[in-house]
Amino acid sequence: PRGSEKAPREKPNQLTLRQPRQGPTDEAQMAAAAALARLEQKQPRARGPTSQDSIRNQVRKELRAEATISGSPEVPGINVVPEPKEEGSTHLAVPGVYFTCPLTGATLRKDQRDAHIKEAILSHFATDPVAASIMKIHTFNKDRDRVKLGVDTIAKYLDNIHLHPEEEKYRKIKLQNKVFQERINCLEGAHEFFEAIGFQKVMLPVANKEGPEEFYVLSEAVLAQPQNLERHREWLLAAEPVRATLHRQRRIFRPSPLASQFDLPGDFFNLTAEEIKREQRLRSDAVERLSVLRTKAMREKEQQRELRKYTYALLRVRLPDGCLLQGTFYARERMAAVYGFVREALLSDWLPFELLASGGQKLSEDENLALNECGLVPSALLTFSWDTAVLEDVKAAGAKPDSSILKPELLSAIEKLS
């Protein structure tokens, strides 16, 4: 079922080249400063680079040129093989749901994600086996508890070597050891990691045993540079599974009376088209009969069932000039993700603004509410509005916001909504 998918952290669209930002006027800066001081808005701190980021950035540089992507004229700015359109859907609001590989930058359909990421990781063994083996351990093994146990055990082996560099026993790992067999041998990528960081398989005699047994033995060259082992240990512990991120498919449309009309592909629904029709028919027949009989618990249960029906949401934001900004989101993403998506498109992204639902309800950026909890799935039209306090201060300063609030490079790709 599609509802089991979790919403990953979204990153800014890497396929769009940012142009130099046009600086605000002195009057606008003074107005915004006054409004911001009054509102006491706090911007989140930028996240610094992590070990996982370093691995992905390095892999991305080396693999991006190798990524082979089939062209599709139906999705502006996206190179993918499109899924077949559904029967009767001649003007879909979006042709499907797509994802971006964080290693190669390739845009993928859902059924392409896992195979593409695995291929990207495996191809990286030729250039950086340590990074590739770490990504393989965290990505190829689905049992997260087992991965954590195995990774912690490997880290303990490396800790012992670091803390006791003179003791030979810590440089040898018996492969038939019960702990090694139960926690490490079962993990895909674990053997590649040991060999990549400098362990070699050697047959050694064992006390009270007739024949030799297989060990991993750390090479002397690696022992001479213990800082490398420590760095590899930190990478291993900090790494996360490599997952494709949801592609926003950002598009800009001219003002249109069709703004609130959405013809969505089946990707946006957890139910098949036939199941949706059948449920709508049954609900229509039963709504009057149940309206009096339903208890509060029954209504809450039905609400939860409604929330699980959709995996994705297609949102349009009507801007002050009537233009429409469109993007795809997970149904369980928070409103903060929508605000961030809109802010990335603004020429003056430092000015606070508001997003309103169709009924005029303000959708707060700070509230920890998901899109499906706000009734914004599977699609919704929102209205953009500058923060009232900012507008008052801007007017008092004798200035006014630009009539066109989008970045020029986005306006150059504006389309007609059909």
Protein backbone atom coordinates (compact mmCIF):
# COMPACT_ATOMS: atom_id res chain seq x y z
CA PRO A 1 0.00 0.00 0.00
CA ARG A 2 1.24 3.45 -0.84
CA GLY A 3 0.20 4.97 2.47
CA SER A 4 3.10 3.30 4.24
CA GLU A 5 5.61 5.68 2.67
CA LYS A 6 7.15 8.26 4.96
CA ALA A 7 7.91 11.75 3.91
CA PRO A 8 11.65 12.30 3.64
CA ARG A 9 13.31 15.58 4.26
CA GLU A 10 13.10 17.70 1.19
CA LYS A 11 16.08 19.55 -0.15
CA PRO A 12 16.04 22.56 -2.44
CA ASN A 13 15.59 21.63 -6.08
CA GLN A 14 19.15 21.12 -7.33
CA LEU A 15 18.12 21.26 -10.98
CA THR A 16 17.34 25.00 -10.84
CA LEU A 17 20.21 27.44 -11.20
CA ARG A 18 19.82 30.33 -8.77
CA GLN A 19 20.40 33.80 -10.18
CA PRO A 20 21.88 36.65 -8.13
CA ARG A 21 19.16 38.02 -5.87
CA GLN A 22 17.99 41.57 -6.47
CA GLY A 23 18.63 43.53 -3.29
CA PRO A 24 15.77 45.35 -1.52
CA THR A 25 15.62 49.13 -1.48
CA ASP A 26 16.62 51.08 1.63
CA GLU A 27 12.96 51.94 2.29
CA ALA A 28 11.90 48.31 1.94
CA GLN A 29 14.71 47.17 4.23
CA MET A 30 13.65 49.65 6.92
CA ALA A 31 10.02 48.63 6.58
CA ALA A 32 10.79 44.94 6.72
CA ALA A 33 13.11 45.42 9.70
CA ALA A 34 10.38 47.18 11.62
CA ALA A 35 7.84 44.49 10.80
CA LEU A 36 10.22 41.66 11.57
CA ALA A 37 11.19 43.23 14.88
CA ARG A 38 7.55 43.52 15.86
CA LEU A 39 6.70 40.01 14.77
CA GLU A 40 9.88 38.61 16.40
CA GLN A 41 10.18 36.07 13.64
CA LYS A 42 13.09 33.67 14.00
CA GLN A 43 14.61 32.06 10.95
CA PRO A 44 15.86 28.46 11.34
CA ARG A 45 19.60 28.02 11.38
CA ALA A 46 21.21 26.55 8.32
CA ARG A 47 22.35 22.96 8.82
CA GLY A 48 26.07 22.53 8.49
CA PRO A 49 27.66 19.82 6.38
CA THR A 50 27.60 16.30 7.79
CA SER A 51 29.57 13.18 7.01
CA GLN A 52 26.60 11.86 5.03
CA ASP A 53 26.49 15.08 3.02
CA SER A 54 30.19 14.72 2.22
CA ILE A 55 29.69 11.19 0.96
CA ARG A 56 26.70 12.14 -1.18
CA ASN A 57 28.33 15.27 -2.61
CA GLN A 58 31.41 13.30 -3.61
CA VAL A 59 29.36 10.54 -5.21
CA ARG A 60 27.07 13.01 -6.95
CA LYS A 61 29.99 14.75 -8.65
CA GLU A 62 31.39 11.49 -10.00
CA LEU A 63 28.11 9.87 -11.03
CA ARG A 64 26.06 12.74 -12.40
CA ALA A 65 27.81 12.58 -15.76
CA GLU A 66 27.16 8.83 -15.95
CA ALA A 67 23.42 9.02 -15.26
CA THR A 68 21.46 8.04 -18.36
CA ILE A 69 18.01 9.54 -18.47
CA SER A 70 15.39 9.15 -21.20
CA GLY A 71 13.90 12.42 -22.47
CA SER A 72 10.20 13.26 -22.01
CA PRO A 73 8.62 16.26 -23.74
CA GLU A 74 5.55 16.11 -21.51
CA VAL A 75 7.16 17.19 -18.24
CA PRO A 76 8.84 20.60 -18.46
CA GLY A 77 12.29 20.56 -16.88
CA ILE A 78 12.18 16.83 -16.06
CA ASN A 79 13.97 14.10 -17.99
CA VAL A 80 12.08 10.88 -17.35
CA VAL A 81 10.21 8.10 -19.07
CA PRO A 82 6.57 9.07 -18.46
CA GLU A 83 3.99 6.61 -17.20
CA PRO A 84 1.05 5.92 -19.51
CA LYS A 85 -1.75 8.41 -19.02
CA GLU A 86 -5.01 7.10 -17.65
CA GLU A 87 -7.91 6.54 -20.00
CA GLY A 88 -9.99 9.68 -20.38
CA SER A 89 -7.34 11.98 -18.86
CA THR A 90 -6.20 14.24 -21.65
CA HIS A 91 -5.07 17.19 -19.51
CA LEU A 92 -3.61 15.88 -16.29
CA ALA A 93 -2.56 18.59 -13.83
CA VAL A 94 0.72 16.69 -13.47
CA PRO A 95 1.78 13.57 -15.42
CA GLY A 96 2.72 11.57 -12.32
CA VAL A 97 4.79 11.51 -9.16
CA TYR A 98 8.56 11.67 -9.63
CA PHE A 99 11.64 11.47 -7.43
CA THR A 100 15.22 12.75 -7.53
CA CYS A 101 18.23 10.52 -6.89
CA PRO A 102 20.45 12.37 -4.35
CA LEU A 103 23.58 10.79 -5.84
CA THR A 104 23.16 11.36 -9.58
CA GLY A 105 20.44 14.02 -9.77
CA ALA A 106 18.39 11.77 -12.09
CA THR A 107 14.62 12.18 -12.00
CA LEU A 108 12.82 8.86 -11.60
CA ARG A 109 9.43 7.25 -11.51
CA LYS A 110 8.51 5.41 -8.34
CA ASP A 111 9.24 2.01 -9.86
CA GLN A 112 12.73 3.19 -10.93
CA ARG A 113 13.94 4.50 -7.57
CA ASP A 114 15.42 1.49 -5.79
CA ALA A 115 17.12 -0.05 -8.83
CA HIS A 116 18.68 3.28 -9.85
CA ILE A 117 20.04 4.05 -6.38
CA LYS A 118 21.48 0.54 -6.00
CA GLU A 119 23.18 0.82 -9.37
CA ALA A 120 24.63 4.23 -8.43
CA ILE A 121 26.02 2.87 -5.16
CA LEU A 122 27.50 -0.24 -6.75
CA SER A 123 29.14 1.75 -9.54
CA HIS A 124 30.86 3.92 -6.93
CA PHE A 125 32.87 0.98 -5.52
CA ALA A 126 35.41 1.49 -8.31
CA THR A 127 36.26 5.02 -7.14
CA ASP A 128 35.56 5.09 -3.37
CA PRO A 129 34.91 1.66 -1.85
CA VAL A 130 34.68 3.02 1.71
CA ALA A 131 31.87 5.47 0.91
CA ALA A 132 30.13 2.91 -1.32
CA SER A 133 30.26 0.17 1.32
CA ILE A 134 28.86 2.52 3.99
CA MET A 135 25.97 3.49 1.73
CA LYS A 136 25.39 -0.16 0.86
CA ILE A 137 25.16 -1.18 4.53
CA HIS A 138 22.61 1.52 5.32
CA THR A 139 20.60 1.30 2.10
CA PHE A 140 20.53 -2.37 1.04
CA ASN A 141 19.54 -3.72 4.49
CA LYS A 142 15.94 -2.87 5.31
CA ASP A 143 15.85 -3.98 8.97
CA ARG A 144 16.95 -0.77 10.71
CA ASP A 145 17.35 -2.41 14.12
CA ARG A 146 19.65 -5.04 12.65
CA VAL A 147 21.65 -2.38 10.83
CA LYS A 148 22.12 -0.37 14.04
CA LEU A 149 23.23 -3.44 15.97
CA GLY A 150 25.73 -4.40 13.25
CA VAL A 151 27.07 -0.87 12.80
CA ASP A 152 27.51 -0.43 16.57
CA THR A 153 29.40 -3.73 16.72
CA ILE A 154 31.74 -2.71 13.88
CA ALA A 155 32.30 0.62 15.61
CA LYS A 156 33.24 -1.26 18.80
CA TYR A 157 35.85 -3.28 16.91
CA LEU A 158 37.37 -0.05 15.58
CA ASP A 159 37.19 1.56 19.03
CA ASN A 160 39.22 -1.27 20.52
CA ILE A 161 41.91 -0.84 17.87
CA HIS A 162 42.01 2.92 18.48
CA LEU A 163 42.18 2.58 22.28
CA HIS A 164 44.65 -0.34 22.30
CA PRO A 165 46.90 0.16 19.25
CA GLU A 166 49.67 -2.01 20.72
CA GLU A 167 47.52 -5.07 21.43
CA GLU A 168 47.59 -7.49 18.53
CA LYS A 169 44.41 -9.33 19.51
CA TYR A 170 42.23 -6.32 18.64
CA ARG A 171 43.58 -6.21 15.08
CA LYS A 172 42.18 -9.68 14.34
CA ILE A 173 38.50 -10.56 13.93
CA LYS A 174 37.51 -14.21 13.77
CA LEU A 175 34.89 -14.61 11.06
CA GLN A 176 33.32 -17.67 12.73
CA ASN A 177 32.91 -15.75 15.98
CA LYS A 178 29.28 -15.95 17.13
CA VAL A 179 28.89 -12.18 17.50
CA PHE A 180 30.39 -11.56 14.04
CA GLN A 181 28.14 -14.18 12.44
CA GLU A 182 24.92 -12.98 14.11
CA ARG A 183 25.42 -9.22 13.86
CA ILE A 184 27.74 -8.48 10.95
CA ASN A 185 27.95 -11.36 8.50
CA CYS A 186 24.24 -10.98 7.72
CA LEU A 187 24.60 -7.35 6.60
CA GLU A 188 25.06 -6.60 2.90
CA GLY A 189 28.10 -4.37 2.48
CA ALA A 190 29.76 -5.28 5.79
CA HIS A 191 32.52 -7.42 4.24
CA GLU A 192 33.16 -4.75 1.60
CA PHE A 193 33.54 -2.17 4.39
CA PHE A 194 36.14 -4.21 6.31
CA GLU A 195 38.17 -4.80 3.18
CA ALA A 196 37.87 -1.17 2.05
CA ILE A 197 39.26 0.21 5.33
CA GLY A 198 42.28 -2.12 5.30
CA PHE A 199 41.35 -5.54 6.69
CA GLN A 200 42.56 -8.64 4.84
CA LYS A 201 41.28 -12.21 5.07
CA VAL A 202 43.93 -14.54 6.45
CA MET A 203 43.89 -18.20 7.57
CA LEU A 204 45.39 -18.44 11.07
CA PRO A 205 45.90 -21.32 13.50
CA VAL A 206 43.59 -21.42 16.53
CA ALA A 207 44.43 -22.92 19.92
CA ASN A 208 42.76 -26.31 20.54
CA LYS A 209 41.65 -26.49 16.90
CA GLU A 210 42.92 -28.99 14.34
CA GLY A 211 43.00 -26.66 11.34
CA PRO A 212 43.34 -22.92 10.74
CA GLU A 213 40.33 -20.57 10.66
CA GLU A 214 39.57 -17.42 8.70
CA PHE A 215 40.26 -14.01 10.25
CA TYR A 216 40.13 -10.38 9.22
CA VAL A 217 43.55 -8.90 10.02
CA LEU A 218 44.25 -5.16 9.87
CA SER A 219 47.24 -4.25 7.72
CA GLU A 220 50.27 -2.52 9.20
CA ALA A 221 49.93 0.38 6.75
CA VAL A 222 46.50 1.23 8.16
CA LEU A 223 47.76 1.03 11.74
CA ALA A 224 50.26 3.74 10.88
CA GLN A 225 47.36 6.16 10.18
CA PRO A 226 44.83 5.63 13.00
CA GLN A 227 43.03 8.89 12.19
CA ASN A 228 41.68 7.29 9.01
CA LEU A 229 40.04 4.48 10.96
CA GLU A 230 38.43 6.99 13.28
CA ARG A 231 37.07 8.98 10.34
CA HIS A 232 35.64 5.84 8.72
CA ARG A 233 34.03 4.88 12.03
CA GLU A 234 32.33 8.29 12.27
CA TRP A 235 31.09 8.05 8.67
CA LEU A 236 29.64 4.62 9.35
CA LEU A 237 27.81 5.74 12.48
CA ALA A 238 26.49 8.99 10.98
CA ALA A 239 25.32 7.59 7.64
CA GLU A 240 21.66 7.15 6.69
CA PRO A 241 19.93 5.16 3.95
CA VAL A 242 20.18 6.77 0.53
CA ARG A 243 16.61 7.57 -0.47
CA ALA A 244 15.22 9.36 -3.50
CA THR A 245 13.57 12.66 -2.60
CA LEU A 246 10.17 13.72 -3.87
CA HIS A 247 10.49 15.94 -6.95
CA ARG A 248 8.41 19.10 -6.50
CA GLN A 249 7.84 19.46 -10.27
CA ARG A 250 7.63 23.21 -9.79
CA ARG A 251 5.69 24.98 -12.53
CA ILE A 252 4.47 28.55 -13.02
CA PHE A 253 1.14 29.24 -14.76
CA ARG A 254 -0.45 32.42 -16.04
CA PRO A 255 -3.68 33.58 -14.34
CA SER A 256 -6.45 31.15 -15.25
CA PRO A 257 -10.10 30.45 -14.39
CA LEU A 258 -9.06 26.76 -14.25
CA ALA A 259 -6.84 27.34 -11.20
CA SER A 260 -9.03 25.27 -8.87
CA GLN A 261 -9.53 22.38 -11.31
CA PHE A 262 -7.26 19.39 -10.77
CA ASP A 263 -7.19 16.26 -12.91
CA LEU A 264 -4.80 14.01 -11.02
CA PRO A 265 -3.10 10.76 -12.11
CA GLY A 266 -3.57 7.56 -10.11
CA ASP A 267 -0.22 8.06 -8.35
CA PHE A 268 -1.92 10.47 -5.95
CA PHE A 269 -4.39 7.91 -4.63
CA ASN A 270 -3.99 4.83 -2.46
CA LEU A 271 -7.21 3.42 -3.89
CA THR A 272 -7.73 2.26 -7.45
CA ALA A 273 -10.11 4.24 -9.66
CA GLU A 274 -12.73 1.50 -9.32
CA GLU A 275 -12.40 1.44 -5.53
CA ILE A 276 -12.84 5.21 -5.39
CA LYS A 277 -16.00 5.08 -7.52
CA ARG A 278 -17.45 2.25 -5.43
CA GLU A 279 -16.73 4.05 -2.15
CA GLN A 280 -18.26 7.28 -3.43
CA ARG A 281 -21.40 5.38 -4.44
CA LEU A 282 -21.72 3.63 -1.08
CA ARG A 283 -21.12 6.86 0.80
CA SER A 284 -23.76 8.68 -1.21
CA ASP A 285 -26.30 5.94 -0.41
CA ALA A 286 -25.49 5.86 3.30
CA VAL A 287 -24.73 9.46 4.21
CA GLU A 288 -28.30 10.42 5.10
CA ARG A 289 -28.96 7.19 7.00
CA LEU A 290 -25.78 7.50 9.09
CA SER A 291 -25.82 11.25 9.71
CA VAL A 292 -27.94 10.84 12.85
CA LEU A 293 -26.61 7.47 14.03
CA ARG A 294 -22.86 8.08 13.91
CA THR A 295 -21.14 8.54 17.24
CA LYS A 296 -18.14 10.81 17.82
CA ALA A 297 -15.83 7.77 17.82
CA MET A 298 -17.25 6.65 14.47
CA ARG A 299 -16.70 10.08 12.97
CA GLU A 300 -13.10 10.20 14.25
CA LYS A 301 -12.44 6.73 12.82
CA GLU A 302 -13.78 7.82 9.45
CA GLN A 303 -11.56 10.93 9.58
CA GLN A 304 -8.48 8.78 10.12
CA ARG A 305 -9.49 6.56 7.21
CA GLU A 306 -9.82 9.65 5.00
CA LEU A 307 -6.31 10.80 5.97
CA ARG A 308 -4.80 7.49 4.84
CA LYS A 309 -6.35 7.54 1.38
CA TYR A 310 -3.78 9.84 -0.17
CA THR A 311 0.00 9.63 -0.33
CA TYR A 312 0.67 12.86 -2.23
CA ALA A 313 -0.81 16.31 -2.64
CA LEU A 314 -0.68 18.73 -5.57
CA LEU A 315 -0.85 22.36 -4.43
CA ARG A 316 -1.26 25.59 -6.36
CA VAL A 317 -0.60 28.99 -4.81
CA ARG A 318 -2.35 32.00 -6.34
CA LEU A 319 0.02 34.98 -6.19
CA PRO A 320 -1.03 38.66 -5.95
CA ASP A 321 -0.70 39.11 -9.73
CA GLY A 322 -2.86 36.03 -10.37
CA CYS A 323 -0.02 33.77 -11.47
CA LEU A 324 0.00 30.24 -10.06
CA LEU A 325 2.88 28.39 -8.43
CA GLN A 326 2.41 24.60 -8.48
CA GLY A 327 4.27 21.84 -6.62
CA THR A 328 3.96 18.22 -5.44
CA PHE A 329 4.18 17.24 -1.77
CA TYR A 330 3.74 14.25 0.47
CA ALA A 331 0.30 14.21 2.08
CA ARG A 332 1.99 13.95 5.48
CA GLU A 333 4.42 16.83 4.98
CA ARG A 334 4.10 19.83 7.25
CA MET A 335 2.97 23.31 6.25
CA ALA A 336 6.54 24.50 6.83
CA ALA A 337 7.57 22.59 3.68
CA VAL A 338 4.97 24.49 1.63
CA TYR A 339 6.12 27.83 3.01
CA GLY A 340 9.72 26.92 2.20
CA PHE A 341 8.76 25.91 -1.36
CA VAL A 342 7.00 29.24 -1.95
CA ARG A 343 9.80 31.25 -0.35
CA GLU A 344 12.37 29.72 -2.73
CA ALA A 345 10.44 31.14 -5.67
CA LEU A 346 10.12 34.70 -4.35
CA LEU A 347 12.23 37.60 -5.50
CA SER A 348 12.02 39.10 -2.00
CA ASP A 349 12.25 35.89 -0.02
CA TRP A 350 13.21 37.81 3.14
CA LEU A 351 9.71 39.30 3.54
CA PRO A 352 7.17 37.37 5.66
CA PHE A 353 3.93 36.25 4.00
CA GLU A 354 0.82 34.19 4.65
CA LEU A 355 -0.92 31.32 2.85
CA LEU A 356 -4.69 31.08 3.00
CA ALA A 357 -6.95 28.10 2.34
CA SER A 358 -9.95 28.38 0.02
CA GLY A 359 -12.20 29.49 2.89
CA GLY A 360 -9.83 32.28 3.91
CA GLN A 361 -8.36 30.30 6.81
CA LYS A 362 -4.74 31.19 7.53
CA LEU A 363 -2.40 28.20 7.28
CA SER A 364 0.34 28.82 9.82
CA GLU A 365 3.94 27.96 9.00
CA ASP A 366 4.68 27.32 12.67
CA GLU A 367 1.94 24.81 13.47
CA ASN A 368 3.04 21.20 13.28
CA LEU A 369 0.12 20.18 11.07
CA ALA A 370 0.38 17.91 8.05
CA LEU A 371 -1.26 18.72 4.72
CA ASN A 372 -3.77 15.89 5.09
CA GLU A 373 -4.72 17.20 8.54
CA CYS A 374 -5.40 20.62 6.99
CA GLY A 375 -7.69 19.15 4.31
CA LEU A 376 -5.25 19.97 1.49
CA VAL A 377 -5.14 16.50 -0.10
CA PRO A 378 -5.15 15.29 -2.79
CA SER A 379 -5.13 18.85 -4.22
CA ALA A 380 -5.82 22.40 -3.14
CA LEU A 381 -5.63 26.01 -4.30
CA LEU A 382 -4.04 28.38 -1.76
CA THR A 383 -3.86 32.16 -1.79
CA PHE A 384 -0.64 34.09 -1.17
CA SER A 385 -0.77 37.28 0.91
CA TRP A 386 1.98 39.53 2.21
CA ASP A 387 2.05 39.80 5.98
CA THR A 388 -0.35 42.62 6.99
CA ALA A 389 2.15 44.26 9.34
CA VAL A 390 4.80 44.33 6.61
CA LEU A 391 2.41 45.96 4.13
CA GLU A 392 1.54 48.66 6.66
CA ASP A 393 5.19 49.48 7.29
CA VAL A 394 6.03 49.39 3.59
CA LYS A 395 3.18 51.82 2.84
CA ALA A 396 4.25 54.07 5.72
CA ALA A 397 7.74 54.20 4.21
CA GLY A 398 6.30 55.30 0.87
CA ALA A 399 7.26 52.06 -0.90
CA LYS A 400 5.31 49.07 -2.17
CA PRO A 401 6.08 45.43 -3.02
CA ASP A 402 6.94 44.70 -6.63
CA SER A 403 3.97 43.79 -8.82
CA SER A 404 5.77 40.65 -9.94
CA ILE A 405 7.05 38.78 -6.89
CA LEU A 406 8.62 35.73 -8.58
CA LYS A 407 12.25 35.39 -9.59
CA PRO A 408 12.85 36.32 -13.24
CA GLU A 409 14.21 32.90 -14.18
CA LEU A 410 10.91 31.33 -13.08
CA LEU A 411 8.78 33.85 -14.94
CA SER A 412 10.72 33.11 -18.11
CA ALA A 413 9.32 29.57 -18.04
CA ILE A 414 5.69 30.54 -17.37
CA GLU A 415 3.04 28.34 -18.99
CA LYS A 416 -0.63 28.39 -19.87
CA LEU A 417 -2.82 26.22 -17.66
CA SER A 418 -4.97 23.93 -19.80
